[in-house]
Amino acid sequence: MSNEGARARLADLMESVQAGMASIARVQQEQARLTATATGAGRRITATVNAHGVLVELKFTGDIEDLPYADLAREVVAATQAAAIEVQRKTKDLFEGLKQDNARIPRLSEFVPGIPDVHDMLPTPPEVSMAAPDALDRKTDDKDAHLYRVMEFTDVETTNGSSRIADPGDW
């Protein structure tokens, strides 16, 4: 390929990259404005979250006072989580279109054989837990995860349906 041909391909690549960056900025702006709303407790609770799934508005109807506090708390959490799941779906839809647009941009490896493409090196983000703060699945990656595992005792004797810790002298 001549230098002129290479320059033309590089110019096309740069145009594609610039268009891709403009698309990313546009989608980021759209995503930042996203909200989602869900209801709970027979539509007596309305929870609205922002693009990050953060609760930004919570409304109760006038007949909410007959709901016990534990039920109210559970319904608020459920409605907020449902809204967060919806905003995640909306975000995924936005970025899916962006992925399709960016798939048309030539990969760097098409110009320099053997060079890895940056996209292939990006890690996949982990799933975000919807569990309560004290839930066991939030503790598994914790540095103190060993403290949350179920303890299993091996030096226990069972006799007549009751258990006792074995005396080391009995071993």
Protein backbone atom coordinates (compact mmCIF):
# COMPACT_ATOMS: atom_id res chain seq x y z
CA MET A 1 0.00 0.00 0.00
CA SER A 2 1.33 3.45 -0.88
CA ASN A 3 1.86 6.19 1.65
CA GLU A 4 -1.06 8.09 0.12
CA GLY A 5 -3.31 5.06 0.57
CA ALA A 6 -2.17 4.62 4.17
CA ARG A 7 -2.76 8.31 4.89
CA ALA A 8 -6.24 8.12 3.40
CA ARG A 9 -7.10 5.06 5.54
CA LEU A 10 -5.68 6.76 8.62
CA ALA A 11 -7.73 9.90 7.88
CA ASP A 12 -10.85 7.73 7.53
CA LEU A 13 -10.02 6.03 10.81
CA MET A 14 -9.59 9.37 12.58
CA GLU A 15 -12.95 10.57 11.22
CA SER A 16 -14.59 7.38 12.44
CA VAL A 17 -12.99 7.73 15.87
CA GLN A 18 -14.09 11.37 16.16
CA ALA A 19 -17.63 10.44 15.13
CA GLY A 20 -17.53 7.60 17.66
CA MET A 21 -16.41 9.97 20.42
CA ALA A 22 -19.23 12.37 19.55
CA SER A 23 -21.69 9.45 19.74
CA ILE A 24 -20.30 8.43 23.12
CA ALA A 25 -20.68 11.98 24.45
CA ARG A 26 -24.26 12.17 23.14
CA VAL A 27 -25.22 8.83 24.73
CA GLN A 28 -23.55 9.81 28.01
CA GLN A 29 -25.64 12.99 28.08
CA GLU A 30 -28.82 11.02 27.37
CA GLN A 31 -27.93 8.46 30.02
CA ALA A 32 -27.25 11.15 32.63
CA ARG A 33 -30.83 12.42 32.18
CA LEU A 34 -32.46 9.01 32.59
CA THR A 35 -34.89 8.29 35.40
CA ALA A 36 -37.18 5.38 36.13
CA THR A 37 -40.19 5.08 38.39
CA ALA A 38 -41.83 2.06 40.03
CA THR A 39 -44.65 1.59 42.50
CA GLY A 40 -45.27 -0.69 45.45
CA ALA A 41 -47.83 -1.51 48.12
CA GLY A 42 -50.70 -1.45 45.68
CA ARG A 43 -49.53 1.83 44.09
CA ARG A 44 -49.41 3.59 47.47
CA ILE A 45 -45.61 4.04 47.11
CA THR A 46 -43.89 5.61 44.11
CA ALA A 47 -40.10 5.52 43.91
CA THR A 48 -38.07 7.36 41.26
CA VAL A 49 -34.34 6.79 40.72
CA ASN A 50 -31.78 8.65 38.63
CA ALA A 51 -29.43 7.17 36.02
CA HIS A 52 -27.21 5.72 38.76
CA GLY A 53 -30.15 4.01 40.46
CA VAL A 54 -30.10 6.48 43.35
CA LEU A 55 -33.49 7.26 44.88
CA VAL A 56 -34.32 10.88 43.99
CA GLU A 57 -38.03 10.99 44.83
CA LEU A 58 -40.29 8.95 47.08
CA LYS A 59 -44.04 9.57 47.28
CA PHE A 60 -46.73 8.03 49.48
CA THR A 61 -50.48 8.20 49.00
CA GLY A 62 -52.68 9.33 51.87
CA ASP A 63 -53.70 5.81 52.86
CA ILE A 64 -50.18 4.60 53.58
CA GLU A 65 -50.44 4.91 57.38
CA ASP A 66 -52.22 1.54 57.75
CA LEU A 67 -49.12 -0.25 56.43
CA PRO A 68 -46.89 -1.60 59.23
CA TYR A 69 -43.37 -0.11 59.28
CA ALA A 70 -41.71 -3.40 58.32
CA ASP A 71 -44.01 -3.75 55.29
CA LEU A 72 -43.51 -0.11 54.38
CA ALA A 73 -39.74 -0.50 54.47
CA ARG A 74 -39.86 -3.71 52.41
CA GLU A 75 -42.17 -2.09 49.81
CA VAL A 76 -39.99 1.03 49.53
CA VAL A 77 -36.91 -1.13 48.92
CA ALA A 78 -38.76 -3.29 46.37
CA ALA A 79 -40.11 -0.29 44.45
CA THR A 80 -36.70 1.41 44.47
CA GLN A 81 -35.01 -1.77 43.24
CA ALA A 82 -37.59 -2.20 40.49
CA ALA A 83 -36.96 1.37 39.35
CA ALA A 84 -33.19 0.79 39.46
CA ILE A 85 -33.55 -2.34 37.31
CA GLU A 86 -35.61 -0.35 34.82
CA VAL A 87 -33.03 2.44 34.59
CA GLN A 88 -30.33 -0.20 34.05
CA ARG A 89 -32.39 -1.63 31.18
CA LYS A 90 -32.79 1.83 29.65
CA THR A 91 -29.04 2.42 29.98
CA LYS A 92 -28.26 -0.92 28.37
CA ASP A 93 -30.56 -0.06 25.45
CA LEU A 94 -28.83 3.29 24.97
CA PHE A 95 -25.37 1.77 24.94
CA GLU A 96 -26.40 -1.15 22.73
CA GLY A 97 -27.09 1.30 19.92
CA LEU A 98 -23.71 2.90 20.57
CA LYS A 99 -21.99 -0.49 20.36
CA GLN A 100 -23.58 -1.11 16.98
CA ASP A 101 -22.40 2.29 15.72
CA ASN A 102 -18.87 1.74 17.02
CA ALA A 103 -18.68 -1.76 15.51
CA ARG A 104 -18.26 -0.04 12.15
CA ILE A 105 -15.02 1.64 13.27
CA PRO A 106 -12.03 -0.34 12.01
CA ARG A 107 -9.99 -2.03 14.71
CA LEU A 108 -6.40 -1.00 15.28
CA SER A 109 -5.27 -4.54 14.45
CA GLU A 110 -6.53 -4.00 10.89
CA PHE A 111 -3.80 -1.37 10.49
CA VAL A 112 -1.09 -2.94 12.62
CA PRO A 113 -1.33 -6.74 12.48
CA GLY A 114 -0.79 -8.46 15.81
CA ILE A 115 -1.45 -5.41 17.99
CA PRO A 116 -4.19 -6.03 20.57
CA ASP A 117 -7.37 -4.00 20.36
CA VAL A 118 -8.08 -1.90 23.42
CA HIS A 119 -11.72 -3.01 23.43
CA ASP A 120 -10.66 -6.64 23.86
CA MET A 121 -8.62 -5.74 26.94
CA LEU A 122 -11.43 -3.99 28.84
CA PRO A 123 -12.63 -5.95 31.88
CA THR A 124 -16.29 -6.80 32.26
CA PRO A 125 -17.75 -5.01 35.28
CA PRO A 126 -19.21 -7.26 37.97
CA GLU A 127 -22.94 -7.45 38.63
CA VAL A 128 -24.09 -5.06 41.33
CA SER A 129 -25.88 -6.71 44.24
CA MET A 130 -29.42 -5.70 45.10
CA ALA A 131 -29.09 -7.42 48.50
CA ALA A 132 -29.29 -5.63 51.83
CA PRO A 133 -26.01 -4.26 53.26
CA ASP A 134 -25.64 -7.12 55.75
CA ALA A 135 -26.48 -9.88 53.26
CA LEU A 136 -23.99 -12.71 52.96
CA ASP A 137 -23.40 -12.20 49.22
CA ARG A 138 -22.01 -8.73 49.94
CA LYS A 139 -19.36 -10.25 52.22
CA THR A 140 -17.83 -12.80 49.82
CA ASP A 141 -15.29 -10.40 48.27
CA ASP A 142 -14.60 -8.71 51.55
CA LYS A 143 -11.14 -9.04 53.11
CA ASP A 144 -12.92 -10.53 56.14
CA ALA A 145 -14.94 -13.03 54.07
CA HIS A 146 -13.60 -15.89 56.18
CA LEU A 147 -15.57 -14.45 59.12
CA TYR A 148 -18.87 -14.87 57.30
CA ARG A 149 -18.56 -18.46 56.20
CA VAL A 150 -20.70 -21.02 57.98
CA MET A 151 -18.68 -22.58 60.75
CA GLU A 152 -18.43 -26.31 60.77
CA PHE A 153 -17.37 -28.04 63.98
CA THR A 154 -15.68 -31.39 63.67
CA ASP A 155 -14.97 -32.04 67.33
CA VAL A 156 -18.61 -32.46 68.37
CA GLU A 157 -20.11 -35.63 69.78
CA THR A 158 -23.82 -36.30 69.50
CA THR A 159 -25.42 -38.55 72.10
CA ASN A 160 -29.14 -39.01 72.74
CA GLY A 161 -30.00 -36.04 70.46
CA SER A 162 -27.80 -33.53 72.28
CA SER A 163 -24.35 -32.28 71.33
CA ARG A 164 -21.28 -31.39 73.32
CA ILE A 165 -17.79 -30.33 72.36
CA ALA A 166 -15.44 -33.24 72.69
CA ASP A 167 -12.84 -33.05 75.42
CA PRO A 168 -9.37 -33.21 73.82
CA GLY A 169 -8.47 -35.72 76.50
CA ASP A 170 -11.07 -38.10 74.98
CA TRP A 171 -9.17 -38.24 71.66
